[in-house]
């Protein structure tokens, strides 16, 4: 990996191309939050947060934070014109009724069937999965952003998840620093290999079987 390239931003920029004008989109904590910065303002996309906002805007400038306005991760945000505010019951009602067009989440593992594991890190204490299980099951399209391998070099796209599942057969698209992969009928189809990586490098760093058009 080229240490001079910010692959988090590269991944986020590709993910932003999956978002169309007028969509309602939920961004998970971490890398997915970067996606909003690459979505054109004229798209009028309404970003949803589980803590009760529809219409979050970019992060405020330093000193301009509002202590009463934050995203689901607790980070300060702004609100765009037309934004609405409500309690968590309404926020999860929007999710569970299927009103979100896209949710973008991080992941620890994704299987070749599109199973998602993203809520527990082995050996670390975690508070729970938050809204991930609802978002993964009920959003019209689920996009996962992650590094292709973990810090030990082990594949994160696997035949079968070994970590506890967030939801089965829910992922539609996987975007890593190496490739964009569509999950179609329980198979992984490589849509694009991202420079500077090669087909051989993508295959060798993926445990699951990949299909190429």
C-alpha atoms as a PDB file:
ATOM      1  CA  UNK A   1       0.000   0.000   0.000  1.00  0.00           C
ATOM      2  CA  UNK A   2       1.316   3.474  -0.890  1.00  0.00           C
ATOM      3  CA  UNK A   3       1.639   5.288   2.447  1.00  0.00           C
ATOM      4  CA  UNK A   4       1.388   8.595   0.592  1.00  0.00           C
ATOM      5  CA  UNK A   5      -2.210   7.916  -0.452  1.00  0.00           C
ATOM      6  CA  UNK A   6      -5.139   8.483   1.901  1.00  0.00           C
ATOM      7  CA  UNK A   7      -7.045   5.331   1.020  1.00  0.00           C
ATOM      8  CA  UNK A   8      -9.871   6.204   3.405  1.00  0.00           C
ATOM      9  CA  UNK A   9     -10.697   9.212   1.241  1.00  0.00           C
ATOM     10  CA  UNK A  10     -10.267   7.208  -1.969  1.00  0.00           C
ATOM     11  CA  UNK A  11     -12.773   4.625  -0.716  1.00  0.00           C
ATOM     12  CA  UNK A  12     -15.186   7.342   0.438  1.00  0.00           C
ATOM     13  CA  UNK A  13     -15.026   9.118  -2.926  1.00  0.00           C
ATOM     14  CA  UNK A  14     -15.933   5.915  -4.791  1.00  0.00           C
ATOM     15  CA  UNK A  15     -18.772   5.284  -2.333  1.00  0.00           C
ATOM     16  CA  UNK A  16     -20.182   8.757  -3.002  1.00  0.00           C
ATOM     17  CA  UNK A  17     -20.688   7.761  -6.653  1.00  0.00           C
ATOM     18  CA  UNK A  18     -23.286   5.224  -5.466  1.00  0.00           C
ATOM     19  CA  UNK A  19     -25.505   8.036  -4.119  1.00  0.00           C
ATOM     20  CA  UNK A  20     -28.082   9.610  -6.413  1.00  0.00           C
ATOM     21  CA  UNK A  21     -29.907  12.962  -6.127  1.00  0.00           C
ATOM     22  CA  UNK A  22     -32.702  13.152  -3.566  1.00  0.00           C
ATOM     23  CA  UNK A  23     -31.745  10.000  -1.663  1.00  0.00           C
ATOM     24  CA  UNK A  24     -32.106   9.442   2.078  1.00  0.00           C
ATOM     25  CA  UNK A  25     -28.794   8.044   3.313  1.00  0.00           C
ATOM     26  CA  UNK A  26     -27.416   6.805   6.631  1.00  0.00           C
ATOM     27  CA  UNK A  27     -23.663   6.957   7.215  1.00  0.00           C
ATOM     28  CA  UNK A  28     -22.090   4.686   9.806  1.00  0.00           C
ATOM     29  CA  UNK A  29     -19.365   5.707  12.232  1.00  0.00           C
ATOM     30  CA  UNK A  30     -15.781   5.953  10.956  1.00  0.00           C
ATOM     31  CA  UNK A  31     -14.863   5.867   7.262  1.00  0.00           C
ATOM     32  CA  UNK A  32     -18.499   6.177   6.037  1.00  0.00           C
ATOM     33  CA  UNK A  33     -18.774   9.666   7.548  1.00  0.00           C
ATOM     34  CA  UNK A  34     -16.234  10.874   4.967  1.00  0.00           C
ATOM     35  CA  UNK A  35     -18.649  10.096   2.129  1.00  0.00           C
ATOM     36  CA  UNK A  36     -20.788  13.188   2.736  1.00  0.00           C
ATOM     37  CA  UNK A  37     -17.865  15.393   1.740  1.00  0.00           C
ATOM     38  CA  UNK A  38     -17.871  13.951  -1.793  1.00  0.00           C
ATOM     39  CA  UNK A  39     -21.622  14.183  -2.510  1.00  0.00           C
ATOM     40  CA  UNK A  40     -22.444  17.285  -4.606  1.00  0.00           C
ATOM     41  CA  UNK A  41     -24.501  19.822  -2.668  1.00  0.00           C
ATOM     42  CA  UNK A  42     -27.002  20.176  -5.514  1.00  0.00           C
ATOM     43  CA  UNK A  43     -27.942  16.502  -5.103  1.00  0.00           C
ATOM     44  CA  UNK A  44     -30.043  17.557  -2.087  1.00  0.00           C
ATOM     45  CA  UNK A  45     -29.286  14.285  -0.299  1.00  0.00           C
ATOM     46  CA  UNK A  46     -30.762  14.033   3.199  1.00  0.00           C
ATOM     47  CA  UNK A  47     -28.384  12.291   5.586  1.00  0.00           C
ATOM     48  CA  UNK A  48     -30.044  10.416   8.452  1.00  0.00           C
ATOM     49  CA  UNK A  49     -28.669   9.813  11.944  1.00  0.00           C
ATOM     50  CA  UNK A  50     -30.112   7.284  14.400  1.00  0.00           C
ATOM     51  CA  UNK A  51     -30.070   9.788  17.256  1.00  0.00           C
ATOM     52  CA  UNK A  52     -32.810  11.786  15.560  1.00  0.00           C
ATOM     53  CA  UNK A  53     -31.766  13.947  12.605  1.00  0.00           C
ATOM     54  CA  UNK A  54     -32.755  13.863   8.952  1.00  0.00           C
ATOM     55  CA  UNK A  55     -30.682  16.403   7.062  1.00  0.00           C
ATOM     56  CA  UNK A  56     -27.260  16.518   8.686  1.00  0.00           C
ATOM     57  CA  UNK A  57     -24.777  18.830   7.023  1.00  0.00           C
ATOM     58  CA  UNK A  58     -20.986  19.002   7.026  1.00  0.00           C
ATOM     59  CA  UNK A  59     -18.926  19.200  10.189  1.00  0.00           C
ATOM     60  CA  UNK A  60     -18.916  22.747  11.620  1.00  0.00           C
ATOM     61  CA  UNK A  61     -15.837  24.934  11.590  1.00  0.00           C
ATOM     62  CA  UNK A  62     -13.852  24.925  14.816  1.00  0.00           C
ATOM     63  CA  UNK A  63     -15.588  27.110  17.353  1.00  0.00           C
ATOM     64  CA  UNK A  64     -18.913  26.906  15.556  1.00  0.00           C
ATOM     65  CA  UNK A  65     -20.105  23.657  17.147  1.00  0.00           C
ATOM     66  CA  UNK A  66     -23.585  23.400  18.653  1.00  0.00           C
ATOM     67  CA  UNK A  67     -23.533  21.175  21.760  1.00  0.00           C
ATOM     68  CA  UNK A  68     -27.102  20.081  21.005  1.00  0.00           C
ATOM     69  CA  UNK A  69     -26.408  19.024  17.420  1.00  0.00           C
ATOM     70  CA  UNK A  70     -24.368  15.858  16.827  1.00  0.00           C
ATOM     71  CA  UNK A  71     -24.473  12.663  14.808  1.00  0.00           C
ATOM     72  CA  UNK A  72     -24.981   9.123  16.099  1.00  0.00           C
ATOM     73  CA  UNK A  73     -21.271   8.883  16.920  1.00  0.00           C
ATOM     74  CA  UNK A  74     -21.422  11.977  19.110  1.00  0.00           C
ATOM     75  CA  UNK A  75     -19.506  14.202  16.691  1.00  0.00           C
ATOM     76  CA  UNK A  76     -20.741  17.748  16.011  1.00  0.00           C
ATOM     77  CA  UNK A  77     -22.589  18.327  12.752  1.00  0.00           C
ATOM     78  CA  UNK A  78     -24.577  21.048  11.053  1.00  0.00           C
ATOM     79  CA  UNK A  79     -28.089  20.881   9.631  1.00  0.00           C
ATOM     80  CA  UNK A  80     -29.093  21.652   6.052  1.00  0.00           C
ATOM     81  CA  UNK A  81     -32.215  23.650   5.118  1.00  0.00           C
ATOM     82  CA  UNK A  82     -35.271  21.438   5.526  1.00  0.00           C
ATOM     83  CA  UNK A  83     -33.690  19.264   8.215  1.00  0.00           C
ATOM     84  CA  UNK A  84     -35.963  17.728  10.835  1.00  0.00           C
ATOM     85  CA  UNK A  85     -35.368  16.540  14.385  1.00  0.00           C
ATOM     86  CA  UNK A  86     -37.100  13.768  16.316  1.00  0.00           C
ATOM     87  CA  UNK A  87     -36.565  11.143  18.990  1.00  0.00           C
ATOM     88  CA  UNK A  88     -34.863   7.769  18.518  1.00  0.00           C
ATOM     89  CA  UNK A  89     -38.234   6.033  18.193  1.00  0.00           C
ATOM     90  CA  UNK A  90     -38.987   8.003  15.038  1.00  0.00           C
ATOM     91  CA  UNK A  91     -35.392   7.631  13.819  1.00  0.00           C
ATOM     92  CA  UNK A  92     -35.600   3.854  14.005  1.00  0.00           C
ATOM     93  CA  UNK A  93     -39.125   3.908  12.591  1.00  0.00           C
ATOM     94  CA  UNK A  94     -37.683   5.498   9.449  1.00  0.00           C
ATOM     95  CA  UNK A  95     -35.105   2.710   9.255  1.00  0.00           C
ATOM     96  CA  UNK A  96     -37.434  -0.194  10.013  1.00  0.00           C
ATOM     97  CA  UNK A  97     -40.123   0.944   7.563  1.00  0.00           C
ATOM     98  CA  UNK A  98     -37.532   0.852   4.771  1.00  0.00           C
ATOM     99  CA  UNK A  99     -37.436   4.561   4.000  1.00  0.00           C
ATOM    100  CA  UNK A 100     -33.632   4.737   3.729  1.00  0.00           C
ATOM    101  CA  UNK A 101     -32.354   4.396   0.174  1.00  0.00           C
ATOM    102  CA  UNK A 102     -28.779   3.627   1.183  1.00  0.00           C
ATOM    103  CA  UNK A 103     -26.838   2.830   4.322  1.00  0.00           C
ATOM    104  CA  UNK A 104     -23.043   2.889   4.293  1.00  0.00           C
ATOM    105  CA  UNK A 105     -21.327   0.886   7.020  1.00  0.00           C
ATOM    106  CA  UNK A 106     -17.888  -0.256   8.060  1.00  0.00           C
ATOM    107  CA  UNK A 107     -17.142  -3.965   8.455  1.00  0.00           C
ATOM    108  CA  UNK A 108     -14.783  -6.430  10.083  1.00  0.00           C
ATOM    109  CA  UNK A 109     -15.793  -9.251   7.750  1.00  0.00           C
ATOM    110  CA  UNK A 110     -18.092  -9.784   4.769  1.00  0.00           C
ATOM    111  CA  UNK A 111     -18.815 -13.267   3.429  1.00  0.00           C
ATOM    112  CA  UNK A 112     -19.290 -14.275  -0.199  1.00  0.00           C
ATOM    113  CA  UNK A 113     -23.033 -14.516   0.512  1.00  0.00           C
ATOM    114  CA  UNK A 114     -23.122 -10.896   1.686  1.00  0.00           C
ATOM    115  CA  UNK A 115     -23.241 -11.696   5.413  1.00  0.00           C
ATOM    116  CA  UNK A 116     -22.023  -8.779   7.537  1.00  0.00           C
ATOM    117  CA  UNK A 117     -19.995  -8.852  10.756  1.00  0.00           C
ATOM    118  CA  UNK A 118     -19.196  -5.364  12.009  1.00  0.00           C
ATOM    119  CA  UNK A 119     -20.102  -4.905  15.643  1.00  0.00           C
ATOM    120  CA  UNK A 120     -17.599  -6.771  17.820  1.00  0.00           C
ATOM    121  CA  UNK A 121     -13.799  -6.574  17.796  1.00  0.00           C
ATOM    122  CA  UNK A 122     -12.187  -9.714  19.266  1.00  0.00           C
ATOM    123  CA  UNK A 123     -10.541  -9.034  22.602  1.00  0.00           C
ATOM    124  CA  UNK A 124     -12.098  -5.603  23.023  1.00  0.00           C
ATOM    125  CA  UNK A 125     -15.067  -4.479  25.071  1.00  0.00           C
ATOM    126  CA  UNK A 126     -17.853  -3.033  22.964  1.00  0.00           C
ATOM    127  CA  UNK A 127     -21.185  -1.516  24.044  1.00  0.00           C
ATOM    128  CA  UNK A 128     -23.280  -3.273  21.392  1.00  0.00           C
ATOM    129  CA  UNK A 129     -24.147  -3.059  17.727  1.00  0.00           C
ATOM    130  CA  UNK A 130     -26.158   0.159  17.944  1.00  0.00           C
ATOM    131  CA  UNK A 131     -28.408   0.598  14.924  1.00  0.00           C
ATOM    132  CA  UNK A 132     -26.338  -1.573  12.588  1.00  0.00           C
ATOM    133  CA  UNK A 133     -28.650  -4.597  12.690  1.00  0.00           C
ATOM    134  CA  UNK A 134     -31.681  -2.495  11.711  1.00  0.00           C
ATOM    135  CA  UNK A 135     -29.789  -0.563   9.050  1.00  0.00           C
ATOM    136  CA  UNK A 136     -28.323  -3.710   7.499  1.00  0.00           C
ATOM    137  CA  UNK A 137     -31.665  -5.488   7.322  1.00  0.00           C
ATOM    138  CA  UNK A 138     -34.002  -2.690   6.297  1.00  0.00           C
ATOM    139  CA  UNK A 139     -32.132  -0.272   4.017  1.00  0.00           C
ATOM    140  CA  UNK A 140     -32.822  -0.612   0.315  1.00  0.00           C
ATOM    141  CA  UNK A 141     -29.093  -0.799  -0.441  1.00  0.00           C
ATOM    142  CA  UNK A 142     -26.227  -1.650   1.913  1.00  0.00           C
ATOM    143  CA  UNK A 143     -22.706  -0.545   1.015  1.00  0.00           C
ATOM    144  CA  UNK A 144     -19.705  -1.651   3.062  1.00  0.00           C
ATOM    145  CA  UNK A 145     -16.487   0.373   3.217  1.00  0.00           C
ATOM    146  CA  UNK A 146     -13.394  -1.291   4.659  1.00  0.00           C
ATOM    147  CA  UNK A 147      -9.736  -2.148   4.158  1.00  0.00           C
ATOM    148  CA  UNK A 148      -9.313  -5.255   2.039  1.00  0.00           C
ATOM    149  CA  UNK A 149      -7.244  -6.960   4.761  1.00  0.00           C
ATOM    150  CA  UNK A 150      -6.815  -6.482   8.495  1.00  0.00           C
ATOM    151  CA  UNK A 151      -3.633  -5.222  10.179  1.00  0.00           C
ATOM    152  CA  UNK A 152      -2.233  -8.757  10.162  1.00  0.00           C
ATOM    153  CA  UNK A 153      -2.751  -9.058   6.415  1.00  0.00           C
ATOM    154  CA  UNK A 154      -5.659 -11.501   6.760  1.00  0.00           C
ATOM    155  CA  UNK A 155      -8.530 -11.299   4.294  1.00  0.00           C
ATOM    156  CA  UNK A 156     -11.675  -9.508   5.462  1.00  0.00           C
ATOM    157  CA  UNK A 157     -13.727 -10.767   2.499  1.00  0.00           C
ATOM    158  CA  UNK A 158     -14.174 -14.403   3.483  1.00  0.00           C
ATOM    159  CA  UNK A 159     -16.034 -17.553   2.506  1.00  0.00           C
ATOM    160  CA  UNK A 160     -17.860 -17.555   5.838  1.00  0.00           C
ATOM    161  CA  UNK A 161     -17.739 -15.017   8.657  1.00  0.00           C
ATOM    162  CA  UNK A 162     -16.047 -16.233  11.833  1.00  0.00           C
ATOM    163  CA  UNK A 163     -17.171 -13.219  13.878  1.00  0.00           C
ATOM    164  CA  UNK A 164     -20.733 -12.788  15.205  1.00  0.00           C
ATOM    165  CA  UNK A 165     -23.047 -11.646  12.420  1.00  0.00           C
ATOM    166  CA  UNK A 166     -24.755  -8.301  12.348  1.00  0.00           C
ATOM    167  CA  UNK A 167     -27.130  -9.549   9.623  1.00  0.00           C
ATOM    168  CA  UNK A 168     -27.092 -12.306   6.984  1.00  0.00           C
ATOM    169  CA  UNK A 169     -27.167 -11.756   3.203  1.00  0.00           C
ATOM    170  CA  UNK A 170     -27.548  -7.997   3.506  1.00  0.00           C
ATOM    171  CA  UNK A 171     -24.538  -6.454   1.729  1.00  0.00           C
ATOM    172  CA  UNK A 172     -25.004  -5.217  -1.843  1.00  0.00           C
ATOM    173  CA  UNK A 173     -21.647  -3.551  -2.540  1.00  0.00           C
ATOM    174  CA  UNK A 174     -18.185  -3.815  -0.976  1.00  0.00           C
ATOM    175  CA  UNK A 175     -15.678  -1.005  -1.566  1.00  0.00           C
ATOM    176  CA  UNK A 176     -12.075  -1.393  -0.435  1.00  0.00           C
ATOM    177  CA  UNK A 177      -8.836   0.306  -1.427  1.00  0.00           C
ATOM    178  CA  UNK A 178      -8.332  -2.541  -3.924  1.00  0.00           C
ATOM    179  CA  UNK A 179     -11.684  -3.166  -5.590  1.00  0.00           C
ATOM    180  CA  UNK A 180     -15.385  -2.479  -5.915  1.00  0.00           C
ATOM    181  CA  UNK A 181     -17.316  -5.726  -5.581  1.00  0.00           C
ATOM    182  CA  UNK A 182     -21.022  -6.377  -6.098  1.00  0.00           C
ATOM    183  CA  UNK A 183     -22.790  -9.142  -4.196  1.00  0.00           C
ATOM    184  CA  UNK A 184     -25.149 -10.821  -6.673  1.00  0.00           C
ATOM    185  CA  UNK A 185     -27.054 -14.032  -5.899  1.00  0.00           C
ATOM    186  CA  UNK A 186     -24.614 -15.017  -3.138  1.00  0.00           C
ATOM    187  CA  UNK A 187     -21.610 -14.455  -5.383  1.00  0.00           C
ATOM    188  CA  UNK A 188     -18.936 -11.761  -5.407  1.00  0.00           C
ATOM    189  CA  UNK A 189     -18.572 -10.027  -8.774  1.00  0.00           C
ATOM    190  CA  UNK A 190     -15.670  -7.612  -9.182  1.00  0.00           C
ATOM    191  CA  UNK A 191     -16.929  -4.463 -10.869  1.00  0.00           C
ATOM    192  CA  UNK A 192     -13.657  -2.522 -10.817  1.00  0.00           C
ATOM    193  CA  UNK A 193     -10.082  -3.025  -9.655  1.00  0.00           C
ATOM    194  CA  UNK A 194      -8.657   0.183  -8.195  1.00  0.00           C
ATOM    195  CA  UNK A 195      -5.195   1.427  -9.112  1.00  0.00           C
ATOM    196  CA  UNK A 196      -2.450   0.617  -8.361  1.00  0.00           C
ATOM    197  CA  UNK A 197      -3.641  -2.918  -7.566  1.00  0.00           C
ATOM    198  CA  UNK A 198      -3.837  -5.797 -10.028  1.00  0.00           C
ATOM    199  CA  UNK A 199      -6.296  -8.648 -10.461  1.00  0.00           C
ATOM    200  CA  UNK A 200      -3.739 -11.053  -9.009  1.00  0.00           C
ATOM    201  CA  UNK A 201      -3.304  -8.897  -5.878  1.00  0.00           C
ATOM    202  CA  UNK A 202      -7.057  -8.679  -5.345  1.00  0.00           C
ATOM    203  CA  UNK A 203      -7.488 -12.444  -5.709  1.00  0.00           C
ATOM    204  CA  UNK A 204      -4.557 -13.284  -3.418  1.00  0.00           C
ATOM    205  CA  UNK A 205      -5.858 -11.000  -0.656  1.00  0.00           C
ATOM    206  CA  UNK A 206      -9.417 -12.341  -0.789  1.00  0.00           C
ATOM    207  CA  UNK A 207     -10.449 -15.622   0.840  1.00  0.00           C
ATOM    208  CA  UNK A 208     -13.810 -15.852  -0.908  1.00  0.00           C
ATOM    209  CA  UNK A 209     -14.196 -16.757  -4.570  1.00  0.00           C
ATOM    210  CA  UNK A 210     -14.356 -13.784  -6.917  1.00  0.00           C
ATOM    211  CA  UNK A 211     -16.048 -13.578 -10.318  1.00  0.00           C
ATOM    212  CA  UNK A 212     -14.794 -11.303 -13.110  1.00  0.00           C
ATOM    213  CA  UNK A 213     -16.731 -10.191 -16.150  1.00  0.00           C
END
